[in-house]
Amino acid sequence: MPKKRKVKKVKRVKRVKKILLKKTKIEEAPKKQTSLNQEEKPEIKKIKKQATEKKQYSVKDFVVYPKHGVGKITAVEKAKIGQIEIQFYKIFIEKEKLTLTVPINQQSKLRPISSINQINKCVSILKTKPKIKRTMWSRRAQEYDQKINSGKIYELAEVVKDLNKNTDIIADQSYSERQLFEKAYERLKSEFEAVLKVPPEEVQKKMDKALGRTRVPDTPE
C-alpha cells in the first residue's frame, strides 16, 4: 500500500510540472511582443520628427535665391507630406514669373537683399575697367555662370562690368556673351530696384551711366 501512494505522488508532481511549464510559455509570449513593440516605437518617432528653425523672414520681405535672383515672400504656409508637417516660404520671382517653395529648415539657401552701402559699392565696381582673362571662352563662360549663380552681389557686378561692351550693337558680342551679360545685368538691376525702391527706368540709367553705355546720355543725377 505505501508503494502505490508513492507512485501516485510522482504522477501528481509530473502533472503539476507540465501545467507550470504551459503557464510560463503563455506568460512569456506576450513579453516578447511587448519587447518588440518597444523596439518599434523609437522608429516611429524618428519618422515624425522634423528639424525646425525659427523664421528669419516675413511676408512681403525681399530675399535673394542664388539660382533665380530677387524674390518676394508672398506667404508662409504649412503642408503635410505623409505624417510629417512642413513649414515653408512661398517666394515669387518677378523676373522669371516663378513661384518657389523653400522649407523653413532650408532658409540658409536664402539671403536678405543688400544694403544701400553695398549697392553704392556695386556702382563703384561697374565704373572700373573690365578684367578680361586670356583663357578659352568656354572656361571663362563657366566661371561667369558660377559667379551669377553664387548669389553674391559683388561677383554679379564684376560679371556685368567684365562683359560690358559699352554698346547695344549685337555684332560687338557673341551670342553666349550677350546671354550671360543680360542674365547678370537683369539680376543686378532687380536687386537695385528692390533696395533703392525706384522705377526700373531710373535704375537702368544709373547702371548704364556707371558702365558708360552709349544708349544713355551722361546727364547729372
Protein backbone atom coordinates (compact mmCIF):
# COMPACT_ATOMS: atom_id res chain seq x y z
CA MET A 1 0.00 0.00 0.00
CA PRO A 2 2.67 2.60 0.77
CA LYS A 3 4.32 1.89 -2.65
CA LYS A 4 1.11 2.80 -4.51
CA ARG A 5 0.94 6.12 -2.68
CA LYS A 6 4.47 6.97 -3.79
CA VAL A 7 3.59 6.26 -7.43
CA LYS A 8 0.55 8.49 -7.20
CA LYS A 9 2.61 11.29 -5.68
CA VAL A 10 5.18 11.08 -8.50
CA LYS A 11 2.43 11.26 -11.15
CA ARG A 12 0.89 14.29 -9.46
CA VAL A 13 4.26 16.08 -9.36
CA LYS A 14 4.76 15.44 -13.11
CA ARG A 15 1.29 16.84 -13.89
CA VAL A 16 1.94 19.94 -11.80
CA LYS A 17 5.26 20.48 -13.63
CA LYS A 18 3.53 20.21 -17.04
CA ILE A 19 0.86 22.73 -16.00
CA LEU A 20 3.52 25.14 -14.72
CA LEU A 21 5.53 24.85 -17.96
CA LYS A 22 2.42 25.65 -20.05
CA LYS A 23 1.68 28.70 -17.90
CA THR A 24 5.22 30.04 -18.20
CA LYS A 25 5.12 29.66 -22.02
CA ILE A 26 1.83 31.54 -22.19
CA GLU A 27 3.21 34.31 -19.96
CA GLU A 28 6.48 34.58 -21.92
CA ALA A 29 4.75 35.05 -25.30
CA PRO A 30 3.22 38.50 -24.57
CA LYS A 31 6.52 39.63 -23.03
CA LYS A 32 8.26 39.03 -26.36
CA GLN A 33 5.56 41.00 -28.18
CA THR A 34 5.84 43.91 -25.78
CA SER A 35 9.62 43.97 -26.21
CA LEU A 36 9.18 44.07 -30.00
CA ASN A 37 6.68 46.92 -29.66
CA GLN A 38 9.15 48.82 -27.50
CA GLU A 39 11.82 48.44 -30.20
CA GLU A 40 9.46 49.74 -32.92
CA LYS A 41 8.34 52.88 -31.05
CA PRO A 42 11.62 54.87 -31.45
CA GLU A 43 11.49 54.28 -35.25
CA ILE A 44 8.00 55.79 -35.48
CA LYS A 45 9.14 58.83 -33.50
CA LYS A 46 12.10 59.35 -35.84
CA ILE A 47 9.81 59.43 -38.88
CA LYS A 48 7.56 62.06 -37.28
CA LYS A 49 10.43 64.29 -36.15
CA GLN A 50 11.43 67.20 -38.36
CA ALA A 51 14.23 69.69 -37.95
CA THR A 52 12.63 73.04 -37.14
CA GLU A 53 14.10 76.53 -37.33
CA LYS A 54 12.90 79.94 -36.32
CA LYS A 55 11.59 82.00 -39.22
CA GLN A 56 14.11 84.61 -40.34
CA TYR A 57 11.88 86.29 -42.93
CA SER A 58 8.30 87.56 -43.03
CA VAL A 59 5.64 88.03 -45.69
CA LYS A 60 6.47 90.92 -48.11
CA ASP A 61 10.23 90.65 -47.38
CA PHE A 62 12.56 90.66 -50.40
CA VAL A 63 15.11 87.86 -50.43
CA VAL A 64 17.71 86.53 -52.87
CA TYR A 65 17.67 82.92 -54.02
CA PRO A 66 21.11 82.44 -55.69
CA LYS A 67 19.94 80.47 -58.75
CA HIS A 68 16.97 82.74 -59.51
CA GLY A 69 17.72 86.19 -58.09
CA VAL A 70 15.47 88.56 -56.15
CA GLY A 71 12.08 87.34 -54.98
CA LYS A 72 9.33 88.47 -52.65
CA ILE A 73 7.89 86.28 -49.87
CA THR A 74 4.15 86.07 -50.55
CA ALA A 75 3.19 83.60 -47.80
CA VAL A 76 4.41 81.32 -45.02
CA GLU A 77 2.42 78.09 -45.22
CA LYS A 78 2.19 74.58 -43.74
CA ALA A 79 1.69 71.27 -45.52
CA LYS A 80 1.69 67.58 -44.59
CA ILE A 81 3.85 65.12 -46.50
CA GLY A 82 2.94 61.68 -45.18
CA GLN A 83 2.97 62.07 -41.41
CA ILE A 84 5.45 64.97 -41.44
CA GLU A 85 4.29 68.57 -41.17
CA ILE A 86 6.45 71.04 -43.11
CA GLN A 87 6.51 74.84 -42.83
CA PHE A 88 7.75 76.75 -45.89
CA TYR A 89 8.07 80.11 -47.64
CA LYS A 90 6.29 80.90 -50.91
CA ILE A 91 8.62 83.17 -52.92
CA PHE A 92 7.60 84.89 -56.16
CA ILE A 93 10.41 85.70 -58.63
CA GLU A 94 9.03 88.60 -60.68
CA LYS A 95 11.63 88.49 -63.48
CA GLU A 96 11.00 84.79 -64.20
CA LYS A 97 7.29 84.70 -63.25
CA LEU A 98 8.18 81.79 -60.98
CA THR A 99 6.96 80.76 -57.51
CA LEU A 100 9.44 78.87 -55.32
CA THR A 101 8.67 76.75 -52.26
CA VAL A 102 11.51 76.84 -49.72
CA PRO A 103 11.16 74.89 -46.42
CA ILE A 104 11.95 76.90 -43.27
CA ASN A 105 14.70 74.42 -42.35
CA GLN A 106 16.40 75.22 -45.69
CA GLN A 107 16.27 79.01 -45.39
CA SER A 108 20.09 79.12 -45.28
CA LYS A 109 19.85 79.00 -49.10
CA LEU A 110 18.29 82.48 -49.00
CA ARG A 111 19.91 85.79 -48.16
CA PRO A 112 18.43 89.22 -47.39
CA ILE A 113 18.71 91.89 -50.08
CA SER A 114 21.75 94.17 -49.99
CA SER A 115 22.12 97.42 -48.07
CA ILE A 116 22.39 100.84 -49.77
CA ASN A 117 26.14 100.86 -48.96
CA GLN A 118 26.55 97.56 -50.83
CA ILE A 119 24.62 98.96 -53.81
CA ASN A 120 26.91 102.01 -53.86
CA LYS A 121 29.95 99.70 -53.84
CA CYS A 122 28.45 97.83 -56.81
CA VAL A 123 28.17 101.13 -58.69
CA SER A 124 31.88 101.71 -57.97
CA ILE A 125 32.69 98.24 -59.35
CA LEU A 126 30.73 98.97 -62.54
CA LYS A 127 32.85 102.10 -63.08
CA THR A 128 36.16 100.20 -63.03
CA LYS A 129 37.88 98.78 -66.10
CA PRO A 130 36.91 95.23 -67.13
CA LYS A 131 39.33 92.40 -66.36
CA ILE A 132 39.49 90.04 -69.32
CA LYS A 133 41.46 86.84 -68.88
CA ARG A 134 43.26 85.31 -71.86
CA THR A 135 41.81 81.87 -71.29
CA MET A 136 39.40 79.94 -73.52
CA TRP A 137 35.91 81.43 -73.68
CA SER A 138 34.27 78.15 -72.58
CA ARG A 139 36.21 78.24 -69.31
CA ARG A 140 35.52 81.94 -68.76
CA ALA A 141 31.84 81.42 -69.52
CA GLN A 142 31.68 78.69 -66.87
CA GLU A 143 33.33 81.00 -64.31
CA TYR A 144 30.90 83.83 -65.14
CA ASP A 145 27.93 81.49 -64.79
CA GLN A 146 29.15 80.31 -61.38
CA LYS A 147 29.51 83.92 -60.24
CA ILE A 148 25.99 84.78 -61.44
CA ASN A 149 24.50 81.82 -59.52
CA SER A 150 26.60 82.39 -56.39
CA GLY A 151 24.10 84.90 -55.03
CA LYS A 152 26.95 87.31 -54.14
CA ILE A 153 26.14 90.80 -55.36
CA TYR A 154 29.77 91.94 -55.81
CA GLU A 155 30.54 88.94 -58.04
CA LEU A 156 27.41 89.74 -60.04
CA ALA A 157 28.58 93.34 -60.52
CA GLU A 158 32.01 92.07 -61.68
CA VAL A 159 30.40 89.88 -64.38
CA VAL A 160 28.33 92.83 -65.65
CA LYS A 161 31.44 95.03 -65.71
CA ASP A 162 33.66 92.43 -67.42
CA LEU A 163 31.11 91.54 -70.14
CA ASN A 164 30.03 95.13 -70.82
CA LYS A 165 30.86 96.34 -74.34
CA ASN A 166 29.64 99.95 -73.86
CA THR A 167 27.15 99.47 -76.65
CA ASP A 168 23.93 97.71 -77.66
CA ILE A 169 25.23 96.66 -81.07
CA ILE A 170 24.74 92.88 -81.32
CA ALA A 171 27.74 92.43 -83.65
CA ASP A 172 30.07 93.55 -80.85
CA GLN A 173 29.23 90.46 -78.74
CA SER A 174 28.90 86.74 -79.36
CA TYR A 175 25.53 85.14 -78.63
CA SER A 176 26.75 83.38 -75.45
CA GLU A 177 28.49 86.55 -74.21
CA ARG A 178 25.33 88.57 -74.68
CA GLN A 179 23.21 85.94 -72.91
CA LEU A 180 25.48 85.91 -69.85
CA PHE A 181 25.68 89.72 -69.80
CA GLU A 182 21.89 90.13 -69.94
CA LYS A 183 21.35 87.49 -67.25
CA ALA A 184 23.82 89.17 -64.87
CA TYR A 185 22.58 92.68 -65.78
CA GLU A 186 18.91 91.79 -65.05
CA ARG A 187 19.79 90.07 -61.77
CA LEU A 188 21.77 93.08 -60.58
CA LYS A 189 19.10 95.51 -61.81
CA SER A 190 16.32 93.69 -59.91
CA GLU A 191 18.27 93.96 -56.65
CA PHE A 192 18.97 97.65 -57.28
CA GLU A 193 15.21 98.16 -57.75
CA ALA A 194 14.32 96.32 -54.51
CA VAL A 195 16.88 98.24 -52.44
CA LEU A 196 16.58 101.74 -53.95
CA LYS A 197 12.77 101.50 -54.42
CA VAL A 198 12.82 103.49 -57.66
CA PRO A 199 11.30 102.70 -61.11
CA PRO A 200 13.20 100.29 -63.40
CA GLU A 201 13.98 103.12 -65.85
CA GLU A 202 15.85 105.09 -63.16
CA VAL A 203 17.84 102.02 -62.12
CA GLN A 204 18.78 101.34 -65.75
CA LYS A 205 20.01 104.91 -66.19
CA LYS A 206 22.12 104.66 -63.03
CA MET A 207 23.70 101.36 -64.05
CA ASP A 208 24.29 102.36 -67.70
CA LYS A 209 25.89 105.62 -66.66
CA ALA A 210 28.30 103.75 -64.36
CA LEU A 211 29.10 101.31 -67.20
CA GLY A 212 29.48 104.14 -69.75
CA ARG A 213 26.96 102.59 -72.14
CA THR A 214 26.25 104.76 -75.18
CA ARG A 215 22.47 104.44 -75.14
CA VAL A 216 22.22 106.67 -72.03
CA PRO A 217 23.31 110.32 -72.21
CA ASP A 218 25.74 111.40 -69.49
CA THR A 219 23.35 113.67 -67.59
CA PRO A 220 23.65 114.66 -63.91
CA GLU A 221 21.50 112.60 -61.49
